[in-house]
């Protein structure tokens, strides 16, 4: 029997299943691509394994602040392979120790300052400083324990956001909270290099919060340094500490009013960005 050529309608019917199958593969491919793009990144690993570059992306950017504010971002390009060992408590040296005379605390039980108040053994990953200064100047770096002694000389309203790589952020915050229960108020005497008394201050700290959404541990305080003698005004800082998966976010705000509120909102957003890394 002679072969009969397929009609145009039959050819179309044979082609249709192939077109449908091809279209289905395209749709499935698009869906798969969508799943790959929208799948959430894992947020359970230690942030201490991230580079300083990556950690710095969580810090505030210049557009978070008014255009006439000063802004700077600093940090090491790379951390040492072996980061400094973070301490839970920093022992203050006594007056008989070698070298410069350390700050003296009263009562003496407050001399064992927590590590969050002395970053001498911590690894700084990245640091943002913003200010409302009217002029440019070179500011001396404050001592590592300035948060305990008040030896930080402010030239005007500012805020600082720092990320530290620490071994046990929640433990450091817990230690600080315990220390505050005993040393919510104390006096500190600072010295010149030759041992002469430089100044005396009364330090009071009030706890504003002991937790924060998105943090493994947190504490927010208002810290005031008041000179015991002299005419210098008291200095008040609003400080927030957040422990997040191997790092410690420290926000030190030397602002008041609406600017304080803005800085606190930026600190909260910084915490969430850090948590999402």
Protein backbone atom coordinates (compact mmCIF):
# COMPACT_ATOMS: atom_id res chain seq x y z
CA UNK A 1 0.00 0.00 0.00
CA UNK A 2 1.36 3.40 -0.83
CA UNK A 3 2.32 5.64 2.07
CA UNK A 4 0.02 8.54 2.72
CA UNK A 5 1.64 11.87 3.47
CA UNK A 6 0.47 13.37 6.80
CA UNK A 7 -1.98 16.19 6.50
CA UNK A 8 -1.15 19.69 7.83
CA UNK A 9 -3.60 19.19 10.70
CA UNK A 10 -1.93 15.94 11.72
CA UNK A 11 1.48 17.58 11.62
CA UNK A 12 0.23 20.33 13.90
CA UNK A 13 -1.20 17.75 16.29
CA UNK A 14 2.18 16.00 16.45
CA UNK A 15 4.03 19.24 17.06
CA UNK A 16 1.75 20.46 19.87
CA UNK A 17 2.87 17.93 22.56
CA UNK A 18 6.49 18.81 21.84
CA UNK A 19 5.74 22.52 22.25
CA UNK A 20 3.85 21.92 25.50
CA UNK A 21 6.67 19.78 26.85
CA UNK A 22 9.25 22.39 25.92
CA UNK A 23 7.22 25.15 27.53
CA UNK A 24 6.86 23.09 30.70
CA UNK A 25 10.61 22.65 30.89
CA UNK A 26 11.10 26.38 30.48
CA UNK A 27 8.59 27.11 33.26
CA UNK A 28 10.23 24.59 35.55
CA UNK A 29 13.62 26.07 34.79
CA UNK A 30 12.40 29.56 35.64
CA UNK A 31 10.87 28.32 38.89
CA UNK A 32 14.09 26.54 39.80
CA UNK A 33 16.05 29.68 39.07
CA UNK A 34 13.63 31.62 41.25
CA UNK A 35 14.18 29.20 44.10
CA UNK A 36 17.94 29.54 43.78
CA UNK A 37 17.77 33.32 43.81
CA UNK A 38 15.28 33.74 46.64
CA UNK A 39 16.50 30.99 48.97
CA UNK A 40 17.61 32.56 52.27
CA UNK A 41 21.30 32.50 53.08
CA UNK A 42 22.35 30.53 56.14
CA UNK A 43 22.63 32.76 59.21
CA UNK A 44 23.81 30.27 61.80
CA UNK A 45 27.59 30.22 61.33
CA UNK A 46 30.02 32.23 63.41
CA UNK A 47 30.55 35.76 62.15
CA UNK A 48 34.12 35.54 63.43
CA UNK A 49 34.94 33.58 60.26
CA UNK A 50 33.83 36.47 58.03
CA UNK A 51 36.38 38.94 56.75
CA UNK A 52 36.53 42.49 58.07
CA UNK A 53 35.28 43.64 54.67
CA UNK A 54 32.12 41.56 55.06
CA UNK A 55 31.52 42.63 58.66
CA UNK A 56 31.94 46.28 57.67
CA UNK A 57 28.98 46.01 55.30
CA UNK A 58 26.68 45.79 58.33
CA UNK A 59 27.84 49.15 59.69
CA UNK A 60 25.99 52.41 58.94
CA UNK A 61 26.77 54.22 55.69
CA UNK A 62 27.15 57.95 55.18
CA UNK A 63 23.65 58.30 53.71
CA UNK A 64 22.18 57.18 57.04
CA UNK A 65 23.13 60.59 58.45
CA UNK A 66 22.57 64.25 57.50
CA UNK A 67 24.76 65.45 54.64
CA UNK A 68 26.60 68.00 56.78
CA UNK A 69 27.78 65.40 59.31
CA UNK A 70 31.29 64.03 59.30
CA UNK A 71 31.64 60.32 58.53
CA UNK A 72 34.57 57.90 58.62
CA UNK A 73 34.97 54.14 58.29
CA UNK A 74 38.13 52.46 59.52
CA UNK A 75 39.37 48.96 60.22
CA UNK A 76 42.07 46.43 59.43
CA UNK A 77 42.09 45.00 55.92
CA UNK A 78 42.81 41.63 57.51
CA UNK A 79 42.73 40.28 61.03
CA UNK A 80 45.73 38.37 62.37
CA UNK A 81 45.43 34.61 61.91
CA UNK A 82 45.40 34.30 65.68
CA UNK A 83 43.14 36.97 67.11
CA UNK A 84 43.99 38.40 70.53
CA UNK A 85 42.46 36.42 73.35
CA UNK A 86 39.39 38.24 74.65
CA UNK A 87 39.16 38.47 78.41
CA UNK A 88 36.09 38.26 80.56
CA UNK A 89 37.56 40.61 83.15
CA UNK A 90 40.37 43.15 82.85
CA UNK A 91 42.51 43.49 85.97
CA UNK A 92 43.48 47.07 86.73
CA UNK A 93 47.06 47.50 87.87
CA UNK A 94 47.77 48.81 91.34
CA UNK A 95 49.85 51.88 92.10
CA UNK A 96 52.95 49.77 92.86
CA UNK A 97 53.05 48.15 89.40
CA UNK A 98 55.76 48.94 86.87
CA UNK A 99 55.02 51.59 84.25
CA UNK A 100 52.34 54.28 84.31
CA UNK A 101 50.08 54.28 87.33
CA UNK A 102 46.75 52.72 86.43
CA UNK A 103 43.41 54.20 87.29
CA UNK A 104 42.28 53.66 90.88
CA UNK A 105 38.69 52.72 91.62
CA UNK A 106 36.60 53.23 94.72
CA UNK A 107 35.26 51.01 96.05
CA UNK A 108 38.22 48.76 95.36
CA UNK A 109 35.89 45.90 94.39
CA UNK A 110 35.15 47.81 91.16
CA UNK A 111 38.77 47.70 89.99
CA UNK A 112 38.19 44.43 88.10
CA UNK A 113 36.54 46.11 85.13
CA UNK A 114 34.71 43.91 82.60
CA UNK A 115 36.26 43.28 79.21
CA UNK A 116 33.57 45.29 77.40
CA UNK A 117 34.99 48.36 79.15
CA UNK A 118 38.57 47.60 78.11
CA UNK A 119 39.13 46.37 74.55
CA UNK A 120 42.88 46.09 74.92
CA UNK A 121 42.77 42.37 74.11
CA UNK A 122 39.99 42.34 71.51
CA UNK A 123 40.21 42.31 67.72
CA UNK A 124 38.58 45.33 66.08
CA UNK A 125 37.01 44.38 62.75
CA UNK A 126 35.50 47.69 61.62
CA UNK A 127 34.57 51.05 63.08
CA UNK A 128 32.32 53.94 61.99
CA UNK A 129 32.52 57.42 63.52
CA UNK A 130 30.03 60.22 62.79
CA UNK A 131 29.99 63.72 64.23
CA UNK A 132 28.62 67.27 63.98
CA UNK A 133 31.95 69.04 64.37
CA UNK A 134 32.28 72.49 62.83
CA UNK A 135 36.00 72.15 62.15
CA UNK A 136 38.55 69.52 61.23
CA UNK A 137 41.11 68.34 63.77
CA UNK A 138 43.25 65.37 64.69
CA UNK A 139 41.77 63.52 67.66
CA UNK A 140 43.99 61.47 69.92
CA UNK A 141 43.00 57.84 70.27
CA UNK A 142 41.37 57.26 73.67
CA UNK A 143 42.85 54.71 76.09
CA UNK A 144 41.53 51.16 75.79
CA UNK A 145 39.70 51.51 79.13
CA UNK A 146 38.22 54.97 78.45
CA UNK A 147 34.70 53.57 78.85
CA UNK A 148 35.53 52.93 82.51
CA UNK A 149 37.75 55.93 83.28
CA UNK A 150 36.08 58.65 81.20
CA UNK A 151 39.41 59.54 79.56
CA UNK A 152 37.79 60.19 76.18
CA UNK A 153 37.93 63.84 75.14
CA UNK A 154 34.94 64.75 73.01
CA UNK A 155 35.10 67.76 70.69
CA UNK A 156 31.37 67.75 70.07
CA UNK A 157 28.32 65.52 69.52
CA UNK A 158 29.20 62.22 67.87
CA UNK A 159 28.39 58.52 67.66
CA UNK A 160 30.60 55.48 67.22
CA UNK A 161 29.70 52.02 65.93
CA UNK A 162 32.30 49.27 66.36
CA UNK A 163 32.37 45.54 65.62
CA UNK A 164 34.72 43.48 67.80
CA UNK A 165 35.59 39.83 67.24
CA UNK A 166 35.30 38.16 70.65
CA UNK A 167 35.31 34.60 71.92
CA UNK A 168 32.26 34.84 74.19
CA UNK A 169 30.12 37.90 73.61
CA UNK A 170 27.16 36.71 75.72
CA UNK A 171 29.57 35.86 78.55
CA UNK A 172 31.13 39.32 78.41
CA UNK A 173 27.72 40.99 78.54
CA UNK A 174 26.64 38.78 81.45
CA UNK A 175 29.85 39.66 83.30
CA UNK A 176 29.26 43.36 82.68
CA UNK A 177 25.68 43.11 83.96
CA UNK A 178 26.87 41.38 87.13
CA UNK A 179 29.57 44.03 87.61
CA UNK A 180 26.98 46.81 87.22
CA UNK A 181 24.91 45.29 90.02
CA UNK A 182 27.88 46.05 92.31
CA UNK A 183 29.37 49.07 90.56
CA UNK A 184 26.49 51.05 89.16
CA UNK A 185 28.19 54.00 90.86
CA UNK A 186 31.91 54.37 91.59
CA UNK A 187 34.75 56.89 91.65
CA UNK A 188 37.85 56.72 89.49
CA UNK A 189 41.17 58.56 89.83
CA UNK A 190 43.30 58.97 86.70
CA UNK A 191 47.02 59.81 86.65
CA UNK A 192 49.60 61.45 84.43
CA UNK A 193 52.53 59.37 83.21
CA UNK A 194 54.67 60.60 86.11
CA UNK A 195 52.14 59.35 88.66
CA UNK A 196 50.61 62.71 89.56
CA UNK A 197 46.84 62.78 89.93
CA UNK A 198 45.24 63.98 86.71
CA UNK A 199 41.56 64.04 87.63
CA UNK A 200 38.85 62.34 89.66
CA UNK A 201 35.42 61.42 88.40
CA UNK A 202 32.20 59.97 89.72
CA UNK A 203 30.73 57.46 87.30
CA UNK A 204 27.09 56.39 87.36
CA UNK A 205 25.49 53.86 85.04
CA UNK A 206 21.80 53.09 84.65
CA UNK A 207 20.61 50.04 82.72
CA UNK A 208 17.99 50.80 80.06
CA UNK A 209 17.54 47.30 78.59
CA UNK A 210 18.96 43.81 79.07
CA UNK A 211 17.90 42.21 75.78
CA UNK A 212 17.31 43.07 72.13
CA UNK A 213 15.56 41.32 69.27
CA UNK A 214 18.12 39.64 67.03
CA UNK A 215 20.95 39.57 69.58
CA UNK A 216 22.26 36.52 71.43
CA UNK A 217 22.70 38.84 74.42
CA UNK A 218 22.44 42.59 74.87
CA UNK A 219 22.56 45.42 77.36
CA UNK A 220 21.87 49.14 76.88
CA UNK A 221 23.06 51.68 79.44
CA UNK A 222 23.32 55.40 80.10
CA UNK A 223 26.75 56.23 81.50
CA UNK A 224 27.62 59.61 83.07
CA UNK A 225 31.07 60.90 84.06
CA UNK A 226 30.96 63.80 86.52
CA UNK A 227 34.17 65.59 87.58
CA UNK A 228 34.60 65.59 91.37
CA UNK A 229 36.52 68.88 91.20
CA UNK A 230 36.84 71.62 88.62
CA UNK A 231 34.40 73.30 86.28
CA UNK A 232 34.25 70.74 83.48
CA UNK A 233 30.67 69.64 82.74
CA UNK A 234 29.46 66.08 83.13
CA UNK A 235 29.53 63.85 80.05
CA UNK A 236 26.71 61.42 79.30
CA UNK A 237 26.93 58.49 76.89
CA UNK A 238 24.21 56.16 75.67
CA UNK A 239 25.88 52.81 75.01
CA UNK A 240 24.50 49.59 73.56
CA UNK A 241 26.28 46.22 73.44
CA UNK A 242 24.99 43.40 71.22
CA UNK A 243 26.52 39.92 71.05
CA UNK A 244 25.85 38.23 67.71
CA UNK A 245 27.43 34.90 66.72
CA UNK A 246 31.04 35.50 67.64
CA UNK A 247 31.18 39.29 67.39
CA UNK A 248 30.24 42.19 69.63
CA UNK A 249 28.55 45.30 68.24
CA UNK A 250 29.20 48.36 70.41
CA UNK A 251 27.28 51.59 69.78
CA UNK A 252 28.46 54.61 71.80
CA UNK A 253 26.24 57.65 71.32
CA UNK A 254 27.24 61.10 72.56
CA UNK A 255 24.09 62.83 71.32
CA UNK A 256 20.79 64.03 72.75
CA UNK A 257 17.23 64.76 71.61
CA UNK A 258 16.14 63.83 68.10
CA UNK A 259 19.73 63.02 67.11
CA UNK A 260 19.92 60.45 69.90
CA UNK A 261 16.71 58.84 68.65
CA UNK A 262 18.06 58.71 65.10
CA UNK A 263 21.32 57.12 66.24
CA UNK A 264 19.47 54.48 68.27
CA UNK A 265 17.35 53.57 65.24
CA UNK A 266 20.49 53.25 63.14
CA UNK A 267 22.03 51.03 65.83
CA UNK A 268 18.97 48.76 65.74
CA UNK A 269 19.19 48.49 61.94
CA UNK A 270 22.90 47.75 62.20
CA UNK A 271 22.13 44.87 64.56
CA UNK A 272 19.64 43.39 62.10
CA UNK A 273 22.06 43.71 59.16
CA UNK A 274 24.77 42.04 61.22
CA UNK A 275 22.41 39.25 62.18
CA UNK A 276 21.53 38.66 58.52
CA UNK A 277 25.13 38.14 57.38
